[in-house]
Every structure is written in structure tokens, then in C-alpha cells.
Amino acid sequence: RFAEAEGFQIVAEHVEVETGKGSD
């Protein structure tokens, strides 16, 4: 929805299943 409204084209998508915690 954002891409359509703002004139962007999503050329690739990366999906992650992982925590956002930790320095690494």
C-alpha cells in the first residue's frame, strides 16, 4: 500500500524469522 501511494516499486523482498535483540 505504501509503495503504491508513494510511487515506489518493490523489486525484492526479504523475509526473516528472528529476534531483534542482542549486539550480534
mmCIF file of all heavy atoms, coordinates in Angstrom:
data_MODEL
# 
_entry.id   MODEL 
# 
loop_
_atom_site.group_PDB 
_atom_site.id 
_atom_site.type_symbol 
_atom_site.label_atom_id 
_atom_site.label_alt_id 
_atom_site.label_comp_id 
_atom_site.label_asym_id 
_atom_site.label_entity_id 
_atom_site.label_seq_id 
_atom_site.pdbx_PDB_ins_code 
_atom_site.Cartn_x 
_atom_site.Cartn_y 
_atom_site.Cartn_z 
_atom_site.occupancy 
_atom_site.B_iso_or_equiv 
_atom_site.pdbx_formal_charge 
_atom_site.auth_seq_id 
_atom_site.auth_comp_id 
_atom_site.auth_asym_id 
_atom_site.auth_atom_id 
_atom_site.pdbx_PDB_model_num 
ATOM 1   N N   . ARG A 1 1  ? 0.832  -1.204  0.000   1.00 0.00 ? 1  ARG A N   1 
ATOM 2   C CA  . ARG A 1 1  ? 0.000  0.000   0.000   1.00 0.00 ? 1  ARG A CA  1 
ATOM 3   C C   . ARG A 1 1  ? 0.868  1.257   0.000   1.00 0.00 ? 1  ARG A C   1 
ATOM 4   O O   . ARG A 1 1  ? 0.604  2.225   -0.717  1.00 0.00 ? 1  ARG A O   1 
ATOM 5   C CB  . ARG A 1 1  ? -0.913 -0.013  1.232   1.00 0.00 ? 1  ARG A CB  1 
ATOM 6   C CG  . ARG A 1 1  ? -1.928 1.126   1.259   1.00 0.00 ? 1  ARG A CG  1 
ATOM 7   C CD  . ARG A 1 1  ? -2.626 1.200   2.584   1.00 0.00 ? 1  ARG A CD  1 
ATOM 8   N NE  . ARG A 1 1  ? -3.267 -0.053  2.934   1.00 0.00 ? 1  ARG A NE  1 
ATOM 9   C CZ  . ARG A 1 1  ? -3.139 -0.653  4.103   1.00 0.00 ? 1  ARG A CZ  1 
ATOM 10  N NH1 . ARG A 1 1  ? -2.388 -0.120  5.047   1.00 0.00 ? 1  ARG A NH1 1 
ATOM 11  N NH2 . ARG A 1 1  ? -3.769 -1.775  4.351   1.00 0.00 ? 1  ARG A NH2 1 
ATOM 12  N N   . PHE A 1 2  ? 1.928  1.220   0.812   1.00 0.00 ? 2  PHE A N   1 
ATOM 13  C CA  . PHE A 1 2  ? 2.839  2.361   0.888   1.00 0.00 ? 2  PHE A CA  1 
ATOM 14  C C   . PHE A 1 2  ? 3.538  2.594   -0.453  1.00 0.00 ? 2  PHE A C   1 
ATOM 15  O O   . PHE A 1 2  ? 3.634  3.733   -0.923  1.00 0.00 ? 2  PHE A O   1 
ATOM 16  C CB  . PHE A 1 2  ? 3.879  2.102   1.984   1.00 0.00 ? 2  PHE A CB  1 
ATOM 17  C CG  . PHE A 1 2  ? 4.972  3.134   2.045   1.00 0.00 ? 2  PHE A CG  1 
ATOM 18  C CD1 . PHE A 1 2  ? 4.763  4.343   2.676   1.00 0.00 ? 2  PHE A CD1 1 
ATOM 19  C CD2 . PHE A 1 2  ? 6.208  2.884   1.472   1.00 0.00 ? 2  PHE A CD2 1 
ATOM 20  C CE1 . PHE A 1 2  ? 5.771  5.306   2.735   1.00 0.00 ? 2  PHE A CE1 1 
ATOM 21  C CE2 . PHE A 1 2  ? 7.217  3.831   1.524   1.00 0.00 ? 2  PHE A CE2 1 
ATOM 22  C CZ  . PHE A 1 2  ? 6.991  5.040   2.157   1.00 0.00 ? 2  PHE A CZ  1 
ATOM 23  N N   . ALA A 1 3  ? 4.024  1.519   -1.058  1.00 0.00 ? 3  ALA A N   1 
ATOM 24  C CA  . ALA A 1 3  ? 4.733  1.640   -2.333  1.00 0.00 ? 3  ALA A CA  1 
ATOM 25  C C   . ALA A 1 3  ? 3.829  2.223   -3.409  1.00 0.00 ? 3  ALA A C   1 
ATOM 26  O O   . ALA A 1 3  ? 4.238  3.102   -4.186  1.00 0.00 ? 3  ALA A O   1 
ATOM 27  C CB  . ALA A 1 3  ? 5.258  0.274   -2.766  1.00 0.00 ? 3  ALA A CB  1 
ATOM 28  N N   . GLU A 1 4  ? 2.600  1.767   -3.439  1.00 0.00 ? 4  GLU A N   1 
ATOM 29  C CA  . GLU A 1 4  ? 1.652  2.269   -4.447  1.00 0.00 ? 4  GLU A CA  1 
ATOM 30  C C   . GLU A 1 4  ? 1.361  3.745   -4.221  1.00 0.00 ? 4  GLU A C   1 
ATOM 31  O O   . GLU A 1 4  ? 1.313  4.535   -5.174  1.00 0.00 ? 4  GLU A O   1 
ATOM 32  C CB  . GLU A 1 4  ? 0.355  1.458   -4.388  1.00 0.00 ? 4  GLU A CB  1 
ATOM 33  C CG  . GLU A 1 4  ? -0.679 1.915   -5.401  1.00 0.00 ? 4  GLU A CG  1 
ATOM 34  C CD  . GLU A 1 4  ? -1.967 1.117   -5.307  1.00 0.00 ? 4  GLU A CD  1 
ATOM 35  O OE1 . GLU A 1 4  ? -2.078 0.248   -4.414  1.00 0.00 ? 4  GLU A OE1 1 
ATOM 36  O OE2 . GLU A 1 4  ? -2.868 1.363   -6.122  1.00 0.00 ? 4  GLU A OE2 1 
ATOM 37  N N   . ALA A 1 5  ? 1.192  4.119   -2.967  1.00 0.00 ? 5  ALA A N   1 
ATOM 38  C CA  . ALA A 1 5  ? 0.840  5.511   -2.656  1.00 0.00 ? 5  ALA A CA  1 
ATOM 39  C C   . ALA A 1 5  ? 2.001  6.463   -2.888  1.00 0.00 ? 5  ALA A C   1 
ATOM 40  O O   . ALA A 1 5  ? 1.795  7.621   -3.280  1.00 0.00 ? 5  ALA A O   1 
ATOM 41  C CB  . ALA A 1 5  ? 0.368  5.615   -1.210  1.00 0.00 ? 5  ALA A CB  1 
ATOM 42  N N   . GLU A 1 6  ? 3.237  5.990   -2.675  1.00 0.00 ? 6  GLU A N   1 
ATOM 43  C CA  . GLU A 1 6  ? 4.394  6.885   -2.738  1.00 0.00 ? 6  GLU A CA  1 
ATOM 44  C C   . GLU A 1 6  ? 5.193  6.755   -4.035  1.00 0.00 ? 6  GLU A C   1 
ATOM 45  O O   . GLU A 1 6  ? 6.225  7.418   -4.190  1.00 0.00 ? 6  GLU A O   1 
ATOM 46  C CB  . GLU A 1 6  ? 5.319  6.615   -1.539  1.00 0.00 ? 6  GLU A CB  1 
ATOM 47  C CG  . GLU A 1 6  ? 4.666  6.849   -0.183  1.00 0.00 ? 6  GLU A CG  1 
ATOM 48  C CD  . GLU A 1 6  ? 4.337  8.307   0.053   1.00 0.00 ? 6  GLU A CD  1 
ATOM 49  O OE1 . GLU A 1 6  ? 4.939  9.171   -0.620  1.00 0.00 ? 6  GLU A OE1 1 
ATOM 50  O OE2 . GLU A 1 6  ? 3.480  8.598   0.912   1.00 0.00 ? 6  GLU A OE2 1 
ATOM 51  N N   . GLY A 1 7  ? 4.739  5.911   -4.941  1.00 0.00 ? 7  GLY A N   1 
ATOM 52  C CA  . GLY A 1 7  ? 5.421  5.809   -6.226  1.00 0.00 ? 7  GLY A CA  1 
ATOM 53  C C   . GLY A 1 7  ? 6.682  4.965   -6.211  1.00 0.00 ? 7  GLY A C   1 
ATOM 54  O O   . GLY A 1 7  ? 7.622  5.235   -6.966  1.00 0.00 ? 7  GLY A O   1 
ATOM 55  N N   . PHE A 1 8  ? 6.723  3.942   -5.354  1.00 0.00 ? 8  PHE A N   1 
ATOM 56  C CA  . PHE A 1 8  ? 7.861  3.033   -5.304  1.00 0.00 ? 8  PHE A CA  1 
ATOM 57  C C   . PHE A 1 8  ? 7.506  1.703   -5.968  1.00 0.00 ? 8  PHE A C   1 
ATOM 58  O O   . PHE A 1 8  ? 6.331  1.323   -6.046  1.00 0.00 ? 8  PHE A O   1 
ATOM 59  C CB  . PHE A 1 8  ? 8.278  2.753   -3.855  1.00 0.00 ? 8  PHE A CB  1 
ATOM 60  C CG  . PHE A 1 8  ? 8.918  3.917   -3.163  1.00 0.00 ? 8  PHE A CG  1 
ATOM 61  C CD1 . PHE A 1 8  ? 8.228  4.636   -2.191  1.00 0.00 ? 8  PHE A CD1 1 
ATOM 62  C CD2 . PHE A 1 8  ? 10.214 4.295   -3.470  1.00 0.00 ? 8  PHE A CD2 1 
ATOM 63  C CE1 . PHE A 1 8  ? 8.817  5.712   -1.548  1.00 0.00 ? 8  PHE A CE1 1 
ATOM 64  C CE2 . PHE A 1 8  ? 10.810 5.364   -2.831  1.00 0.00 ? 8  PHE A CE2 1 
ATOM 65  C CZ  . PHE A 1 8  ? 10.114 6.076   -1.876  1.00 0.00 ? 8  PHE A CZ  1 
ATOM 66  N N   . GLN A 1 9  ? 8.530  0.994   -6.393  1.00 0.00 ? 9  GLN A N   1 
ATOM 67  C CA  . GLN A 1 9  ? 8.361  -0.366  -6.912  1.00 0.00 ? 9  GLN A CA  1 
ATOM 68  C C   . GLN A 1 9  ? 9.200  -1.307  -6.062  1.00 0.00 ? 9  GLN A C   1 
ATOM 69  O O   . GLN A 1 9  ? 10.420 -1.151  -5.957  1.00 0.00 ? 9  GLN A O   1 
ATOM 70  C CB  . GLN A 1 9  ? 8.810  -0.467  -8.374  1.00 0.00 ? 9  GLN A CB  1 
ATOM 71  C CG  . GLN A 1 9  ? 8.669  -1.887  -8.937  1.00 0.00 ? 9  GLN A CG  1 
ATOM 72  C CD  . GLN A 1 9  ? 9.198  -2.002  -10.349 1.00 0.00 ? 9  GLN A CD  1 
ATOM 73  O OE1 . GLN A 1 9  ? 9.772  -1.051  -10.874 1.00 0.00 ? 9  GLN A OE1 1 
ATOM 74  N NE2 . GLN A 1 9  ? 9.009  -3.155  -10.957 1.00 0.00 ? 9  GLN A NE2 1 
ATOM 75  N N   . ILE A 1 10 ? 8.549  -2.273  -5.429  1.00 0.00 ? 10 ILE A N   1 
ATOM 76  C CA  . ILE A 1 10 ? 9.269  -3.262  -4.622  1.00 0.00 ? 10 ILE A CA  1 
ATOM 77  C C   . ILE A 1 10 ? 9.907  -4.261  -5.571  1.00 0.00 ? 10 ILE A C   1 
ATOM 78  O O   . ILE A 1 10 ? 9.221  -5.064  -6.201  1.00 0.00 ? 10 ILE A O   1 
ATOM 79  C CB  . ILE A 1 10 ? 8.322  -3.957  -3.627  1.00 0.00 ? 10 ILE A CB  1 
ATOM 80  C CG1 . ILE A 1 10 ? 7.755  -2.933  -2.637  1.00 0.00 ? 10 ILE A CG1 1 
ATOM 81  C CG2 . ILE A 1 10 ? 9.056  -5.065  -2.875  1.00 0.00 ? 10 ILE A CG2 1 
ATOM 82  C CD1 . ILE A 1 10 ? 6.729  -3.498  -1.673  1.00 0.00 ? 10 ILE A CD1 1 
ATOM 83  N N   . VAL A 1 11 ? 11.236 -4.200  -5.673  1.00 0.00 ? 11 VAL A N   1 
ATOM 84  C CA  . VAL A 1 11 ? 11.954 -5.045  -6.634  1.00 0.00 ? 11 VAL A CA  1 
ATOM 85  C C   . VAL A 1 11 ? 12.462 -6.331  -6.007  1.00 0.00 ? 11 VAL A C   1 
ATOM 86  O O   . VAL A 1 11 ? 12.869 -7.261  -6.716  1.00 0.00 ? 11 VAL A O   1 
ATOM 87  C CB  . VAL A 1 11 ? 13.130 -4.273  -7.264  1.00 0.00 ? 11 VAL A CB  1 
ATOM 88  C CG1 . VAL A 1 11 ? 12.609 -3.100  -8.089  1.00 0.00 ? 11 VAL A CG1 1 
ATOM 89  C CG2 . VAL A 1 11 ? 14.100 -3.771  -6.190  1.00 0.00 ? 11 VAL A CG2 1 
ATOM 90  N N   . ALA A 1 12 ? 12.458 -6.408  -4.681  1.00 0.00 ? 12 ALA A N   1 
ATOM 91  C CA  . ALA A 1 12 ? 12.874 -7.627  -3.989  1.00 0.00 ? 12 ALA A CA  1 
ATOM 92  C C   . ALA A 1 12 ? 12.301 -7.599  -2.582  1.00 0.00 ? 12 ALA A C   1 
ATOM 93  O O   . ALA A 1 12 ? 12.058 -6.526  -2.016  1.00 0.00 ? 12 ALA A O   1 
ATOM 94  C CB  . ALA A 1 12 ? 14.395 -7.750  -3.939  1.00 0.00 ? 12 ALA A CB  1 
ATOM 95  N N   . GLU A 1 13 ? 12.081 -8.785  -2.036  1.00 0.00 ? 13 GLU A N   1 
ATOM 96  C CA  . GLU A 1 13 ? 11.528 -8.898  -0.692  1.00 0.00 ? 13 GLU A CA  1 
ATOM 97  C C   . GLU A 1 13 ? 12.358 -9.898  0.101   1.00 0.00 ? 13 GLU A C   1 
ATOM 98  O O   . GLU A 1 13 ? 12.662 -10.979 -0.384  1.00 0.00 ? 13 GLU A O   1 
ATOM 99  C CB  . GLU A 1 13 ? 10.072 -9.368  -0.752  1.00 0.00 ? 13 GLU A CB  1 
ATOM 100 C CG  . GLU A 1 13 ? 9.440  -9.587  0.610   1.00 0.00 ? 13 GLU A CG  1 
ATOM 101 C CD  . GLU A 1 13 ? 8.032  -10.160 0.507   1.00 0.00 ? 13 GLU A CD  1 
ATOM 102 O OE1 . GLU A 1 13 ? 7.113  -9.399  0.174   1.00 0.00 ? 13 GLU A OE1 1 
ATOM 103 O OE2 . GLU A 1 13 ? 7.865  -11.380 0.735   1.00 0.00 ? 13 GLU A OE2 1 
ATOM 104 N N   . HIS A 1 14 ? 12.719 -9.524  1.314   1.00 0.00 ? 14 HIS A N   1 
ATOM 105 C CA  . HIS A 1 14 ? 13.485 -10.403 2.197   1.00 0.00 ? 14 HIS A CA  1 
ATOM 106 C C   . HIS A 1 14 ? 12.678 -10.606 3.484   1.00 0.00 ? 14 HIS A C   1 
ATOM 107 O O   . HIS A 1 14 ? 12.302 -9.636  4.138   1.00 0.00 ? 14 HIS A O   1 
ATOM 108 C CB  . HIS A 1 14 ? 14.854 -9.811  2.501   1.00 0.00 ? 14 HIS A CB  1 
ATOM 109 C CG  . HIS A 1 14 ? 15.763 -9.793  1.312   1.00 0.00 ? 14 HIS A CG  1 
ATOM 110 N ND1 . HIS A 1 14 ? 16.630 -10.828 1.021   1.00 0.00 ? 14 HIS A ND1 1 
ATOM 111 C CD2 . HIS A 1 14 ? 15.910 -8.892  0.314   1.00 0.00 ? 14 HIS A CD2 1 
ATOM 112 C CE1 . HIS A 1 14 ? 17.282 -10.555 -0.095  1.00 0.00 ? 14 HIS A CE1 1 
ATOM 113 N NE2 . HIS A 1 14 ? 16.869 -9.384  -0.540  1.00 0.00 ? 14 HIS A NE2 1 
ATOM 114 N N   . VAL A 1 15 ? 12.437 -11.852 3.820   1.00 0.00 ? 15 VAL A N   1 
ATOM 115 C CA  . VAL A 1 15 ? 11.621 -12.190 4.984   1.00 0.00 ? 15 VAL A CA  1 
ATOM 116 C C   . VAL A 1 15 ? 12.488 -12.909 6.012   1.00 0.00 ? 15 VAL A C   1 
ATOM 117 O O   . VAL A 1 15 ? 13.217 -13.848 5.681   1.00 0.00 ? 15 VAL A O   1 
ATOM 118 C CB  . VAL A 1 15 ? 10.437 -13.087 4.583   1.00 0.00 ? 15 VAL A CB  1 
ATOM 119 C CG1 . VAL A 1 15 ? 9.614  -13.455 5.818   1.00 0.00 ? 15 VAL A CG1 1 
ATOM 120 C CG2 . VAL A 1 15 ? 9.567  -12.392 3.554   1.00 0.00 ? 15 VAL A CG2 1 
ATOM 121 N N   . GLU A 1 16 ? 12.394 -12.476 7.248   1.00 0.00 ? 16 GLU A N   1 
ATOM 122 C CA  . GLU A 1 16 ? 13.225 -13.012 8.323   1.00 0.00 ? 16 GLU A CA  1 
ATOM 123 C C   . GLU A 1 16 ? 12.352 -13.449 9.494   1.00 0.00 ? 16 GLU A C   1 
ATOM 124 O O   . GLU A 1 16 ? 11.380 -12.777 9.845   1.00 0.00 ? 16 GLU A O   1 
ATOM 125 C CB  . GLU A 1 16 ? 14.185 -11.931 8.811   1.00 0.00 ? 16 GLU A CB  1 
ATOM 126 C CG  . GLU A 1 16 ? 15.381 -12.440 9.553   1.00 0.00 ? 16 GLU A CG  1 
ATOM 127 C CD  . GLU A 1 16 ? 16.642 -12.258 8.732   1.00 0.00 ? 16 GLU A CD  1 
ATOM 128 O OE1 . GLU A 1 16 ? 16.994 -11.103 8.429   1.00 0.00 ? 16 GLU A OE1 1 
ATOM 129 O OE2 . GLU A 1 16 ? 17.273 -13.266 8.389   1.00 0.00 ? 16 GLU A OE2 1 
ATOM 130 N N   . VAL A 1 17 ? 12.687 -14.575 10.100  1.00 0.00 ? 17 VAL A N   1 
ATOM 131 C CA  . VAL A 1 17 ? 12.070 -15.009 11.347  1.00 0.00 ? 17 VAL A CA  1 
ATOM 132 C C   . VAL A 1 17 ? 13.188 -15.060 12.369  1.00 0.00 ? 17 VAL A C   1 
ATOM 133 O O   . VAL A 1 17 ? 13.928 -16.032 12.457  1.00 0.00 ? 17 VAL A O   1 
ATOM 134 C CB  . VAL A 1 17 ? 11.395 -16.383 11.216  1.00 0.00 ? 17 VAL A CB  1 
ATOM 135 C CG1 . VAL A 1 17 ? 10.749 -16.788 12.535  1.00 0.00 ? 17 VAL A CG1 1 
ATOM 136 C CG2 . VAL A 1 17 ? 10.355 -16.359 10.109  1.00 0.00 ? 17 VAL A CG2 1 
ATOM 137 N N   . GLU A 1 18 ? 13.343 -13.987 13.113  1.00 0.00 ? 18 GLU A N   1 
ATOM 138 C CA  . GLU A 1 18 ? 14.466 -13.883 14.043  1.00 0.00 ? 18 GLU A CA  1 
ATOM 139 C C   . GLU A 1 18 ? 14.214 -12.761 15.022  1.00 0.00 ? 18 GLU A C   1 
ATOM 140 O O   . GLU A 1 18 ? 13.518 -11.801 14.733  1.00 0.00 ? 18 GLU A O   1 
ATOM 141 C CB  . GLU A 1 18 ? 15.764 -13.626 13.268  1.00 0.00 ? 18 GLU A CB  1 
ATOM 142 C CG  . GLU A 1 18 ? 17.014 -13.535 14.124  1.00 0.00 ? 18 GLU A CG  1 
ATOM 143 C CD  . GLU A 1 18 ? 17.218 -14.747 15.021  1.00 0.00 ? 18 GLU A CD  1 
ATOM 144 O OE1 . GLU A 1 18 ? 17.742 -15.762 14.553  1.00 0.00 ? 18 GLU A OE1 1 
ATOM 145 O OE2 . GLU A 1 18 ? 16.810 -14.653 16.189  1.00 0.00 ? 18 GLU A OE2 1 
ATOM 146 N N   . THR A 1 19 ? 14.798 -12.892 16.204  1.00 0.00 ? 19 THR A N   1 
ATOM 147 C CA  . THR A 1 19 ? 14.675 -11.858 17.212  1.00 0.00 ? 19 THR A CA  1 
ATOM 148 C C   . THR A 1 19 ? 15.476 -10.631 16.799  1.00 0.00 ? 19 THR A C   1 
ATOM 149 O O   . THR A 1 19 ? 16.415 -10.727 16.016  1.00 0.00 ? 19 THR A O   1 
ATOM 150 C CB  . THR A 1 19 ? 15.181 -12.357 18.583  1.00 0.00 ? 19 THR A CB  1 
ATOM 151 O OG1 . THR A 1 19 ? 15.063 -11.294 19.537  1.00 0.00 ? 19 THR A OG1 1 
ATOM 152 C CG2 . THR A 1 19 ? 16.637 -12.776 18.499  1.00 0.00 ? 19 THR A CG2 1 
ATOM 153 N N   . GLY A 1 20 ? 15.106 -9.495  17.346  1.00 0.00 ? 20 GLY A N   1 
ATOM 154 C CA  . GLY A 1 20 ? 15.858 -8.273  17.072  1.00 0.00 ? 20 GLY A CA  1 
ATOM 155 C C   . GLY A 1 20 ? 16.798 -7.929  18.197  1.00 0.00 ? 20 GLY A C   1 
ATOM 156 O O   . GLY A 1 20 ? 17.412 -6.877  18.188  1.00 0.00 ? 20 GLY A O   1 
ATOM 157 N N   . LYS A 1 21 ? 16.947 -8.818  19.184  1.00 0.00 ? 21 LYS A N   1 
ATOM 158 C CA  . LYS A 1 21 ? 17.732 -8.499  20.369  1.00 0.00 ? 21 LYS A CA  1 
ATOM 159 C C   . LYS A 1 21 ? 19.174 -8.944  20.207  1.00 0.00 ? 21 LYS A C   1 
ATOM 160 O O   . LYS A 1 21 ? 19.485 -9.870  19.461  1.00 0.00 ? 21 LYS A O   1 
ATOM 161 C CB  . LYS A 1 21 ? 17.120 -9.182  21.605  1.00 0.00 ? 21 LYS A CB  1 
ATOM 162 C CG  . LYS A 1 21 ? 15.716 -8.718  21.944  1.00 0.00 ? 21 LYS A CG  1 
ATOM 163 C CD  . LYS A 1 21 ? 15.198 -9.454  23.148  1.00 0.00 ? 21 LYS A CD  1 
ATOM 164 C CE  . LYS A 1 21 ? 13.779 -9.010  23.515  1.00 0.00 ? 21 LYS A CE  1 
ATOM 165 N NZ  . LYS A 1 21 ? 13.239 -9.747  24.663  1.00 0.00 ? 21 LYS A NZ  1 
ATOM 166 N N   . GLY A 1 22 ? 20.049 -8.310  20.975  1.00 0.00 ? 22 GLY A N   1 
ATOM 167 C CA  . GLY A 1 22 ? 21.438 -8.732  21.022  1.00 0.00 ? 22 GLY A CA  1 
ATOM 168 C C   . GLY A 1 22 ? 22.348 -7.891  20.153  1.00 0.00 ? 22 GLY A C   1 
ATOM 169 O O   . GLY A 1 22 ? 21.945 -7.393  19.107  1.00 0.00 ? 22 GLY A O   1 
ATOM 170 N N   . SER A 1 23 ? 23.601 -7.758  20.599  1.00 0.00 ? 23 SER A N   1 
ATOM 171 C CA  . SER A 1 23 ? 24.557 -6.955  19.853  1.00 0.00 ? 23 SER A CA  1 
ATOM 172 C C   . SER A 1 23 ? 24.938 -7.585  18.526  1.00 0.00 ? 23 SER A C   1 
ATOM 173 O O   . SER A 1 23 ? 25.416 -6.906  17.620  1.00 0.00 ? 23 SER A O   1 
ATOM 174 C CB  . SER A 1 23 ? 25.827 -6.744  20.699  1.00 0.00 ? 23 SER A CB  1 
ATOM 175 O OG  . SER A 1 23 ? 26.404 -8.002  21.038  1.00 0.00 ? 23 SER A OG  1 
ATOM 176 N N   . ASP A 1 24 ? 24.738 -8.917  18.422  1.00 0.00 ? 24 ASP A N   1 
ATOM 177 C CA  . ASP A 1 24 ? 25.068 -9.612  17.177  1.00 0.00 ? 24 ASP A CA  1 
ATOM 178 C C   . ASP A 1 24 ? 23.824 -9.879  16.336  1.00 0.00 ? 24 ASP A C   1 
ATOM 179 O O   . ASP A 1 24 ? 23.813 -10.807 15.526  1.00 0.00 ? 24 ASP A O   1 
ATOM 180 C CB  . ASP A 1 24 ? 25.780 -10.931 17.475  1.00 0.00 ? 24 ASP A CB  1 
ATOM 181 C CG  . ASP A 1 24 ? 24.879 -11.913 18.238  1.00 0.00 ? 24 ASP A CG  1 
ATOM 182 O OD1 . ASP A 1 24 ? 23.904 -11.454 18.870  1.00 0.00 ? 24 ASP A OD1 1 
ATOM 183 O OD2 . ASP A 1 24 ? 25.168 -13.119 18.191  1.00 0.00 ? 24 ASP A OD2 1 
# 
